[in-house]
């Protein structure tokens, strides 16, 4: 029996490496989001600092969507819809759009 051609072996190797890369990204994202969810505080507290009033903190949390559950925090279906918004604009402009 003959060994498979070298280009097939390399293609399989690259496909396995890419699958491992994607799995690692997903696992790292899950760990980061889980840790950030468990830690005390919020992004609004960090942005406003120690001198923030409860009213300004609540307003910023509403603006950032931190008052909603994670599944509803991004109504446009981030990141796919953000990428779909950014990709066509990137061909005509050299700036990142402001969400």
PDB file of N, CA and C in Angstrom:
ATOM      1  N   UNK A   1       0.840  -1.172   0.000  1.00  0.00           N
ATOM      2  CA  UNK A   1       0.000   0.000   0.000  1.00  0.00           C
ATOM      3  C   UNK A   1       0.885   1.235   0.000  1.00  0.00           C
ATOM      4  N   UNK A   2       0.517   2.207  -0.811  1.00  0.00           N
ATOM      5  CA  UNK A   2       1.306   3.421  -0.953  1.00  0.00           C
ATOM      6  C   UNK A   2       0.858   4.469   0.067  1.00  0.00           C
ATOM      7  N   UNK A   3       1.796   5.275   0.545  1.00  0.00           N
ATOM      8  CA  UNK A   3       1.404   6.359   1.466  1.00  0.00           C
ATOM      9  C   UNK A   3       0.628   7.441   0.709  1.00  0.00           C
ATOM     10  N   UNK A   4      -0.222   8.198   1.411  1.00  0.00           N
ATOM     11  CA  UNK A   4      -0.978   9.259   0.729  1.00  0.00           C
ATOM     12  C   UNK A   4      -0.032  10.344   0.221  1.00  0.00           C
ATOM     13  N   UNK A   5      -0.457  11.084  -0.794  1.00  0.00           N
ATOM     14  CA  UNK A   5       0.384  12.158  -1.322  1.00  0.00           C
ATOM     15  C   UNK A   5       0.679  13.204  -0.243  1.00  0.00           C
ATOM     16  N   UNK A   6       1.820  13.854  -0.411  1.00  0.00           N
ATOM     17  CA  UNK A   6       2.279  14.815   0.586  1.00  0.00           C
ATOM     18  C   UNK A   6       1.316  16.001   0.746  1.00  0.00           C
ATOM     19  N   UNK A   7       0.705  16.452  -0.349  1.00  0.00           N
ATOM     20  CA  UNK A   7      -0.204  17.597  -0.237  1.00  0.00           C
ATOM     21  C   UNK A   7      -1.471  17.242   0.544  1.00  0.00           C
ATOM     22  N   UNK A   8      -1.905  15.991   0.495  1.00  0.00           N
ATOM     23  CA  UNK A   8      -3.069  15.562   1.278  1.00  0.00           C
ATOM     24  C   UNK A   8      -2.711  15.524   2.755  1.00  0.00           C
ATOM     25  N   UNK A   9      -1.534  15.038   3.071  1.00  0.00           N
ATOM     26  CA  UNK A   9      -1.089  14.977   4.460  1.00  0.00           C
ATOM     27  C   UNK A   9      -0.977  16.383   5.038  1.00  0.00           C
ATOM     28  N   UNK A  10      -0.440  17.310   4.281  1.00  0.00           N
ATOM     29  CA  UNK A  10      -0.303  18.694   4.750  1.00  0.00           C
ATOM     30  C   UNK A  10      -1.674  19.341   4.916  1.00  0.00           C
ATOM     31  N   UNK A  11      -2.591  19.080   4.000  1.00  0.00           N
ATOM     32  CA  UNK A  11      -3.937  19.644   4.103  1.00  0.00           C
ATOM     33  C   UNK A  11      -4.650  19.144   5.361  1.00  0.00           C
ATOM     34  N   UNK A  12      -4.532  17.865   5.640  1.00  0.00           N
ATOM     35  CA  UNK A  12      -5.152  17.311   6.845  1.00  0.00           C
ATOM     36  C   UNK A  12      -4.513  17.918   8.090  1.00  0.00           C
ATOM     37  N   UNK A  13      -3.197  18.050   8.084  1.00  0.00           N
ATOM     38  CA  UNK A  13      -2.492  18.657   9.215  1.00  0.00           C
ATOM     39  C   UNK A  13      -2.973  20.091   9.444  1.00  0.00           C
ATOM     40  N   UNK A  14      -3.071  20.880   8.376  1.00  0.00           N
ATOM     41  CA  UNK A  14      -3.522  22.262   8.512  1.00  0.00           C
ATOM     42  C   UNK A  14      -4.971  22.347   8.976  1.00  0.00           C
ATOM     43  N   UNK A  15      -5.814  21.469   8.504  1.00  0.00           N
ATOM     44  CA  UNK A  15      -7.207  21.445   8.929  1.00  0.00           C
ATOM     45  C   UNK A  15      -7.318  21.125  10.422  1.00  0.00           C
ATOM     46  N   UNK A  16      -6.516  20.173  10.888  1.00  0.00           N
ATOM     47  CA  UNK A  16      -6.515  19.847  12.317  1.00  0.00           C
ATOM     48  C   UNK A  16      -6.008  21.023  13.142  1.00  0.00           C
ATOM     49  N   UNK A  17      -4.978  21.698  12.662  1.00  0.00           N
ATOM     50  CA  UNK A  17      -4.449  22.853  13.393  1.00  0.00           C
ATOM     51  C   UNK A  17      -5.476  23.983  13.453  1.00  0.00           C
ATOM     52  N   UNK A  18      -6.187  24.219  12.371  1.00  0.00           N
ATOM     53  CA  UNK A  18      -7.205  25.256  12.350  1.00  0.00           C
ATOM     54  C   UNK A  18      -8.344  24.913  13.301  1.00  0.00           C
ATOM     55  N   UNK A  19      -8.770  23.657  13.317  1.00  0.00           N
ATOM     56  CA  UNK A  19      -9.835  23.230  14.231  1.00  0.00           C
ATOM     57  C   UNK A  19      -9.394  23.396  15.686  1.00  0.00           C
ATOM     58  N   UNK A  20      -8.148  23.078  15.971  1.00  0.00           N
ATOM     59  CA  UNK A  20      -7.615  23.266  17.324  1.00  0.00           C
ATOM     60  C   UNK A  20      -7.564  24.741  17.682  1.00  0.00           C
ATOM     61  N   UNK A  21      -7.204  25.575  16.734  1.00  0.00           N
ATOM     62  CA  UNK A  21      -7.157  27.020  16.946  1.00  0.00           C
ATOM     63  C   UNK A  21      -8.542  27.562  17.295  1.00  0.00           C
ATOM     64  N   UNK A  22      -9.557  27.174  16.554  1.00  0.00           N
ATOM     65  CA  UNK A  22     -10.929  27.624  16.801  1.00  0.00           C
ATOM     66  C   UNK A  22     -11.418  27.138  18.167  1.00  0.00           C
ATOM     67  N   UNK A  23     -11.138  25.865  18.490  1.00  0.00           N
ATOM     68  CA  UNK A  23     -11.554  25.326  19.787  1.00  0.00           C
ATOM     69  C   UNK A  23     -10.870  26.071  20.935  1.00  0.00           C
ATOM     70  N   UNK A  24      -9.603  26.413  20.757  1.00  0.00           N
ATOM     71  CA  UNK A  24      -8.875  27.158  21.788  1.00  0.00           C
ATOM     72  C   UNK A  24      -9.464  28.548  21.961  1.00  0.00           C
ATOM     73  N   UNK A  25      -9.789  29.226  20.870  1.00  0.00           N
ATOM     74  CA  UNK A  25     -10.415  30.544  20.964  1.00  0.00           C
ATOM     75  C   UNK A  25     -11.753  30.487  21.692  1.00  0.00           C
ATOM     76  N   UNK A  26     -12.563  29.510  21.374  1.00  0.00           N
ATOM     77  CA  UNK A  26     -13.867  29.374  22.030  1.00  0.00           C
ATOM     78  C   UNK A  26     -13.703  29.079  23.516  1.00  0.00           C
ATOM     79  N   UNK A  27     -12.777  28.196  23.861  1.00  0.00           N
ATOM     80  CA  UNK A  27     -12.560  27.860  25.268  1.00  0.00           C
ATOM     81  C   UNK A  27     -12.034  29.069  26.043  1.00  0.00           C
ATOM     82  N   UNK A  28     -11.083  29.785  25.460  1.00  0.00           N
ATOM     83  CA  UNK A  28     -10.540  30.974  26.130  1.00  0.00           C
ATOM     84  C   UNK A  28     -11.616  32.037  26.302  1.00  0.00           C
ATOM     85  N   UNK A  29     -12.450  32.228  25.304  1.00  0.00           N
ATOM     86  CA  UNK A  29     -13.540  33.201  25.417  1.00  0.00           C
ATOM     87  C   UNK A  29     -14.505  32.812  26.523  1.00  0.00           C
ATOM     88  N   UNK A  30     -14.852  31.538  26.598  1.00  0.00           N
ATOM     89  CA  UNK A  30     -15.779  31.080  27.639  1.00  0.00           C
ATOM     90  C   UNK A  30     -15.189  31.296  29.026  1.00  0.00           C
ATOM     91  N   UNK A  31     -13.915  30.999  29.196  1.00  0.00           N
ATOM     92  CA  UNK A  31     -13.274  31.185  30.501  1.00  0.00           C
ATOM     93  C   UNK A  31     -13.219  32.668  30.867  1.00  0.00           C
ATOM     94  N   UNK A  32     -12.850  33.505  29.923  1.00  0.00           N
ATOM     95  CA  UNK A  32     -12.753  34.947  30.197  1.00  0.00           C
ATOM     96  C   UNK A  32     -14.121  35.517  30.571  1.00  0.00           C
ATOM     97  N   UNK A  33     -15.154  35.186  29.812  1.00  0.00           N
ATOM     98  CA  UNK A  33     -16.482  35.704  30.119  1.00  0.00           C
ATOM     99  C   UNK A  33     -16.995  35.172  31.455  1.00  0.00           C
ATOM    100  N   UNK A  34     -16.701  33.909  31.768  1.00  0.00           N
ATOM    101  CA  UNK A  34     -17.139  33.349  33.049  1.00  0.00           C
ATOM    102  C   UNK A  34     -16.445  34.045  34.207  1.00  0.00           C
ATOM    103  N   UNK A  35     -15.149  34.275  34.086  1.00  0.00           N
ATOM    104  CA  UNK A  35     -14.406  34.943  35.153  1.00  0.00           C
ATOM    105  C   UNK A  35     -14.892  36.373  35.319  1.00  0.00           C
ATOM    106  N   UNK A  36     -15.094  37.086  34.228  1.00  0.00           N
ATOM    107  CA  UNK A  36     -15.569  38.465  34.321  1.00  0.00           C
ATOM    108  C   UNK A  36     -16.983  38.540  34.891  1.00  0.00           C
ATOM    109  N   UNK A  37     -17.780  37.522  34.666  1.00  0.00           N
ATOM    110  CA  UNK A  37     -19.131  37.508  35.203  1.00  0.00           C
ATOM    111  C   UNK A  37     -19.127  37.277  36.709  1.00  0.00           C
ATOM    112  N   UNK A  38     -18.152  36.533  37.204  1.00  0.00           N
ATOM    113  CA  UNK A  38     -18.074  36.210  38.627  1.00  0.00           C
ATOM    114  C   UNK A  38     -17.446  37.355  39.429  1.00  0.00           C
ATOM    115  N   UNK A  39     -16.526  38.087  38.829  1.00  0.00           N
ATOM    116  CA  UNK A  39     -15.842  39.160  39.552  1.00  0.00           C
ATOM    117  C   UNK A  39     -16.815  40.267  39.952  1.00  0.00           C
ATOM    118  N   UNK A  40     -16.570  40.885  41.095  1.00  0.00           N
ATOM    119  CA  UNK A  40     -17.439  41.989  41.499  1.00  0.00           C
ATOM    120  C   UNK A  40     -17.199  43.230  40.647  1.00  0.00           C
ATOM    121  N   UNK A  41     -18.194  44.098  40.603  1.00  0.00           N
ATOM    122  CA  UNK A  41     -18.061  45.343  39.850  1.00  0.00           C
ATOM    123  C   UNK A  41     -18.564  45.191  38.431  1.00  0.00           C
ATOM    124  N   UNK A  42     -18.490  46.285  37.709  1.00  0.00           N
ATOM    125  CA  UNK A  42     -18.928  46.275  36.319  1.00  0.00           C
ATOM    126  C   UNK A  42     -18.055  47.237  35.523  1.00  0.00           C
ATOM    127  N   UNK A  43     -18.226  47.195  34.222  1.00  0.00           N
ATOM    128  CA  UNK A  43     -17.463  48.093  33.354  1.00  0.00           C
ATOM    129  C   UNK A  43     -17.840  49.544  33.617  1.00  0.00           C
ATOM    130  N   UNK A  44     -19.092  49.782  33.970  1.00  0.00           N
ATOM    131  CA  UNK A  44     -19.540  51.149  34.245  1.00  0.00           C
ATOM    132  C   UNK A  44     -18.824  51.715  35.472  1.00  0.00           C
ATOM    133  N   UNK A  45     -18.634  50.900  36.500  1.00  0.00           N
ATOM    134  CA  UNK A  45     -17.925  51.356  37.696  1.00  0.00           C
ATOM    135  C   UNK A  45     -16.476  51.701  37.382  1.00  0.00           C
ATOM    136  N   UNK A  46     -15.852  50.901  36.540  1.00  0.00           N
ATOM    137  CA  UNK A  46     -14.467  51.159  36.165  1.00  0.00           C
ATOM    138  C   UNK A  46     -14.368  52.436  35.340  1.00  0.00           C
ATOM    139  N   UNK A  47     -15.302  52.628  34.417  1.00  0.00           N
ATOM    140  CA  UNK A  47     -15.261  53.808  33.548  1.00  0.00           C
ATOM    141  C   UNK A  47     -15.501  55.097  34.319  1.00  0.00           C
ATOM    142  N   UNK A  48     -16.415  55.064  35.280  1.00  0.00           N
ATOM    143  CA  UNK A  48     -16.758  56.287  36.011  1.00  0.00           C
ATOM    144  C   UNK A  48     -15.852  56.543  37.205  1.00  0.00           C
ATOM    145  N   UNK A  49     -15.225  55.517  37.733  1.00  0.00           N
ATOM    146  CA  UNK A  49     -14.314  55.711  38.853  1.00  0.00           C
ATOM    147  C   UNK A  49     -15.026  55.698  40.199  1.00  0.00           C
ATOM    148  N   UNK A  50     -14.269  56.040  41.233  1.00  0.00           N
ATOM    149  CA  UNK A  50     -14.789  55.985  42.603  1.00  0.00           C
ATOM    150  C   UNK A  50     -15.766  57.113  42.919  1.00  0.00           C
ATOM    151  N   UNK A  51     -15.690  58.186  42.209  1.00  0.00           N
ATOM    152  CA  UNK A  51     -16.532  59.343  42.521  1.00  0.00           C
ATOM    153  C   UNK A  51     -17.884  59.317  41.789  1.00  0.00           C
ATOM    154  N   UNK A  52     -18.259  58.193  41.222  1.00  0.00           N
ATOM    155  CA  UNK A  52     -19.510  58.100  40.465  1.00  0.00           C
ATOM    156  C   UNK A  52     -20.711  58.101  41.399  1.00  0.00           C
ATOM    157  N   UNK A  53     -21.753  58.771  40.982  1.00  0.00           N
ATOM    158  CA  UNK A  53     -22.998  58.764  41.745  1.00  0.00           C
ATOM    159  C   UNK A  53     -23.833  57.566  41.298  1.00  0.00           C
ATOM    160  N   UNK A  54     -24.748  57.103  42.157  1.00  0.00           N
ATOM    161  CA  UNK A  54     -25.592  55.976  41.747  1.00  0.00           C
ATOM    162  C   UNK A  54     -26.418  56.267  40.487  1.00  0.00           C
ATOM    163  N   UNK A  55     -26.826  57.518  40.322  1.00  0.00           N
ATOM    164  CA  UNK A  55     -27.618  57.872  39.133  1.00  0.00           C
ATOM    165  C   UNK A  55     -26.784  57.778  37.861  1.00  0.00           C
ATOM    166  N   UNK A  56     -25.550  58.305  37.907  1.00  0.00           N
ATOM    167  CA  UNK A  56     -24.701  58.248  36.721  1.00  0.00           C
ATOM    168  C   UNK A  56     -24.284  56.813  36.419  1.00  0.00           C
ATOM    169  N   UNK A  57     -24.085  56.025  37.465  1.00  0.00           N
ATOM    170  CA  UNK A  57     -23.736  54.620  37.279  1.00  0.00           C
ATOM    171  C   UNK A  57     -24.882  53.867  36.600  1.00  0.00           C
ATOM    172  N   UNK A  58     -26.100  54.103  37.067  1.00  0.00           N
ATOM    173  CA  UNK A  58     -27.262  53.437  36.475  1.00  0.00           C
ATOM    174  C   UNK A  58     -27.469  53.877  35.022  1.00  0.00           C
ATOM    175  N   UNK A  59     -27.261  55.162  34.747  1.00  0.00           N
ATOM    176  CA  UNK A  59     -27.428  55.663  33.378  1.00  0.00           C
ATOM    177  C   UNK A  59     -26.415  55.032  32.430  1.00  0.00           C
ATOM    178  N   UNK A  60     -25.164  54.909  32.876  1.00  0.00           N
ATOM    179  CA  UNK A  60     -24.144  54.305  32.023  1.00  0.00           C
ATOM    180  C   UNK A  60     -24.392  52.815  31.842  1.00  0.00           C
ATOM    181  N   UNK A  61     -24.862  52.129  32.877  1.00  0.00           N
ATOM    182  CA  UNK A  61     -25.188  50.705  32.738  1.00  0.00           C
ATOM    183  C   UNK A  61     -26.301  50.504  31.708  1.00  0.00           C
ATOM    184  N   UNK A  62     -27.288  51.375  31.720  1.00  0.00           N
ATOM    185  CA  UNK A  62     -28.368  51.280  30.732  1.00  0.00           C
ATOM    186  C   UNK A  62     -27.823  51.564  29.333  1.00  0.00           C
ATOM    187  N   UNK A  63     -26.968  52.567  29.215  1.00  0.00           N
ATOM    188  CA  UNK A  63     -26.396  52.922  27.907  1.00  0.00           C
ATOM    189  C   UNK A  63     -25.547  51.789  27.345  1.00  0.00           C
ATOM    190  N   UNK A  64     -24.781  51.117  28.214  1.00  0.00           N
ATOM    191  CA  UNK A  64     -23.916  50.026  27.773  1.00  0.00           C
ATOM    192  C   UNK A  64     -24.648  48.697  27.643  1.00  0.00           C
ATOM    193  N   UNK A  65     -25.902  48.645  28.117  1.00  0.00           N
ATOM    194  CA  UNK A  65     -26.659  47.404  28.041  1.00  0.00           C
ATOM    195  C   UNK A  65     -26.334  46.427  29.148  1.00  0.00           C
ATOM    196  N   UNK A  66     -25.719  46.911  30.227  1.00  0.00           N
ATOM    197  CA  UNK A  66     -25.348  46.031  31.331  1.00  0.00           C
ATOM    198  C   UNK A  66     -26.518  45.728  32.253  1.00  0.00           C
ATOM    199  N   UNK A  67     -27.644  46.377  32.060  1.00  0.00           N
ATOM    200  CA  UNK A  67     -28.813  46.127  32.886  1.00  0.00           C
ATOM    201  C   UNK A  67     -29.650  44.959  32.351  1.00  0.00           C
ATOM    202  N   UNK A  68     -29.308  44.473  31.172  1.00  0.00           N
ATOM    203  CA  UNK A  68     -30.039  43.362  30.566  1.00  0.00           C
ATOM    204  C   UNK A  68     -29.245  42.071  30.715  1.00  0.00           C
ATOM    205  N   UNK A  69     -29.918  40.915  30.627  1.00  0.00           N
ATOM    206  CA  UNK A  69     -29.185  39.647  30.678  1.00  0.00           C
ATOM    207  C   UNK A  69     -28.248  39.526  29.472  1.00  0.00           C
ATOM    208  N   UNK A  70     -27.204  38.716  29.589  1.00  0.00           N
ATOM    209  CA  UNK A  70     -26.226  38.617  28.491  1.00  0.00           C
ATOM    210  C   UNK A  70     -26.833  38.239  27.148  1.00  0.00           C
ATOM    211  N   UNK A  71     -27.861  37.415  27.126  1.00  0.00           N
ATOM    212  CA  UNK A  71     -28.448  37.016  25.849  1.00  0.00           C
ATOM    213  C   UNK A  71     -29.167  38.176  25.164  1.00  0.00           C
ATOM    214  N   UNK A  72     -29.607  39.171  25.945  1.00  0.00           N
ATOM    215  CA  UNK A  72     -30.315  40.312  25.371  1.00  0.00           C
ATOM    216  C   UNK A  72     -29.467  41.580  25.372  1.00  0.00           C
ATOM    217  N   UNK A  73     -28.237  41.492  25.831  1.00  0.00           N
ATOM    218  CA  UNK A  73     -27.413  42.686  25.976  1.00  0.00           C
ATOM    219  C   UNK A  73     -27.060  43.302  24.627  1.00  0.00           C
ATOM    220  N   UNK A  74     -27.000  42.501  23.593  1.00  0.00           N
ATOM    221  CA  UNK A  74     -26.679  43.023  22.263  1.00  0.00           C
ATOM    222  C   UNK A  74     -27.816  42.656  21.322  1.00  0.00           C
ATOM    223  N   UNK A  75     -28.786  43.528  21.154  1.00  0.00           N
ATOM    224  CA  UNK A  75     -29.959  43.183  20.360  1.00  0.00           C
ATOM    225  C   UNK A  75     -29.671  42.958  18.889  1.00  0.00           C
ATOM    226  N   UNK A  76     -28.531  43.440  18.407  1.00  0.00           N
ATOM    227  CA  UNK A  76     -28.243  43.263  16.978  1.00  0.00           C
ATOM    228  C   UNK A  76     -27.524  41.955  16.693  1.00  0.00           C
ATOM    229  N   UNK A  77     -27.344  41.108  17.677  1.00  0.00           N
ATOM    230  CA  UNK A  77     -26.717  39.810  17.443  1.00  0.00           C
ATOM    231  C   UNK A  77     -25.216  39.870  17.280  1.00  0.00           C
ATOM    232  N   UNK A  78     -24.559  40.648  18.119  1.00  0.00           N
ATOM    233  CA  UNK A  78     -23.111  40.764  18.061  1.00  0.00           C
ATOM    234  C   UNK A  78     -22.479  39.408  18.173  1.00  0.00           C
ATOM    235  N   UNK A  79     -21.376  39.062  17.543  1.00  0.00           N
ATOM    236  CA  UNK A  79     -20.558  39.916  16.697  1.00  0.00           C
ATOM    237  C   UNK A  79     -20.908  39.837  15.218  1.00  0.00           C
ATOM    238  N   UNK A  80     -21.749  38.902  14.828  1.00  0.00           N
ATOM    239  CA  UNK A  80     -21.994  38.714  13.395  1.00  0.00           C
ATOM    240  C   UNK A  80     -22.579  39.947  12.734  1.00  0.00           C
ATOM    241  N   UNK A  81     -23.553  40.580  13.362  1.00  0.00           N
ATOM    242  CA  UNK A  81     -24.154  41.739  12.709  1.00  0.00           C
ATOM    243  C   UNK A  81     -23.230  42.946  12.758  1.00  0.00           C
ATOM    244  N   UNK A  82     -22.393  43.037  13.802  1.00  0.00           N
ATOM    245  CA  UNK A  82     -21.423  44.144  13.818  1.00  0.00           C
ATOM    246  C   UNK A  82     -20.418  43.967  12.694  1.00  0.00           C
ATOM    247  N   UNK A  83     -19.988  42.733  12.477  1.00  0.00           N
ATOM    248  CA  UNK A  83     -19.060  42.497  11.379  1.00  0.00           C
ATOM    249  C   UNK A  83     -19.743  42.775  10.050  1.00  0.00           C
ATOM    250  N   UNK A  84     -21.003  42.361   9.935  1.00  0.00           N
ATOM    251  CA  UNK A  84     -21.731  42.593   8.690  1.00  0.00           C
ATOM    252  C   UNK A  84     -21.943  44.083   8.436  1.00  0.00           C
ATOM    253  N   UNK A  85     -22.017  44.869   9.500  1.00  0.00           N
ATOM    254  CA  UNK A  85     -22.131  46.317   9.350  1.00  0.00           C
ATOM    255  C   UNK A  85     -20.780  46.921   8.991  1.00  0.00           C
ATOM    256  N   UNK A  86     -19.723  46.406   9.610  1.00  0.00           N
ATOM    257  CA  UNK A  86     -18.399  46.973   9.419  1.00  0.00           C
ATOM    258  C   UNK A  86     -17.799  46.615   8.060  1.00  0.00           C
ATOM    259  N   UNK A  87     -17.998  45.382   7.613  1.00  0.00           N
ATOM    260  CA  UNK A  87     -17.324  44.909   6.403  1.00  0.00           C
ATOM    261  C   UNK A  87     -17.624  45.758   5.167  1.00  0.00           C
ATOM    262  N   UNK A  88     -18.886  46.038   4.849  1.00  0.00           N
ATOM    263  CA  UNK A  88     -19.125  46.880   3.665  1.00  0.00           C
ATOM    264  C   UNK A  88     -18.585  48.300   3.838  1.00  0.00           C
ATOM    265  N   UNK A  89     -18.673  48.838   5.044  1.00  0.00           N
ATOM    266  CA  UNK A  89     -18.191  50.200   5.283  1.00  0.00           C
ATOM    267  C   UNK A  89     -16.677  50.271   5.171  1.00  0.00           C
ATOM    268  N   UNK A  90     -15.991  49.175   5.478  1.00  0.00           N
ATOM    269  CA  UNK A  90     -14.527  49.200   5.443  1.00  0.00           C
ATOM    270  C   UNK A  90     -13.989  49.307   4.021  1.00  0.00           C
ATOM    271  N   UNK A  91     -14.798  48.938   3.051  1.00  0.00           N
ATOM    272  CA  UNK A  91     -14.337  49.041   1.665  1.00  0.00           C
ATOM    273  C   UNK A  91     -14.368  50.482   1.165  1.00  0.00           C
ATOM    274  N   UNK A  92     -15.267  51.287   1.721  1.00  0.00           N
ATOM    275  CA  UNK A  92     -15.414  52.651   1.227  1.00  0.00           C
ATOM    276  C   UNK A  92     -14.773  53.692   2.137  1.00  0.00           C
ATOM    277  N   UNK A  93     -14.610  53.370   3.407  1.00  0.00           N
ATOM    278  CA  UNK A  93     -13.994  54.305   4.341  1.00  0.00           C
ATOM    279  C   UNK A  93     -12.825  53.634   5.017  1.00  0.00           C
ATOM    280  N   UNK A  94     -11.963  54.417   5.587  1.00  0.00           N
ATOM    281  CA  UNK A  94     -10.811  53.878   6.299  1.00  0.00           C
ATOM    282  C   UNK A  94     -10.947  54.088   7.799  1.00  0.00           C
ATOM    283  N   UNK A  95     -12.176  54.327   8.248  1.00  0.00           N
ATOM    284  CA  UNK A  95     -12.418  54.502   9.671  1.00  0.00           C
ATOM    285  C   UNK A  95     -13.316  53.396  10.181  1.00  0.00           C
ATOM    286  N   UNK A  96     -13.189  53.105  11.464  1.00  0.00           N
ATOM    287  CA  UNK A  96     -14.090  52.154  12.098  1.00  0.00           C
ATOM    288  C   UNK A  96     -15.401  52.868  12.362  1.00  0.00           C
ATOM    289  N   UNK A  97     -16.534  52.225  12.074  1.00  0.00           N
ATOM    290  CA  UNK A  97     -17.813  52.868  12.387  1.00  0.00           C
ATOM    291  C   UNK A  97     -18.024  52.930  13.893  1.00  0.00           C
ATOM    292  N   UNK A  98     -18.789  53.894  14.339  1.00  0.00           N
ATOM    293  CA  UNK A  98     -19.084  54.052  15.761  1.00  0.00           C
ATOM    294  C   UNK A  98     -20.414  53.385  16.059  1.00  0.00           C
ATOM    295  N   UNK A  99     -20.378  52.406  16.958  1.00  0.00           N
ATOM    296  CA  UNK A  99     -21.611  51.718  17.326  1.00  0.00           C
ATOM    297  C   UNK A  99     -22.148  52.399  18.508  1.00  0.00           C
TER     298      UNK A  99
END
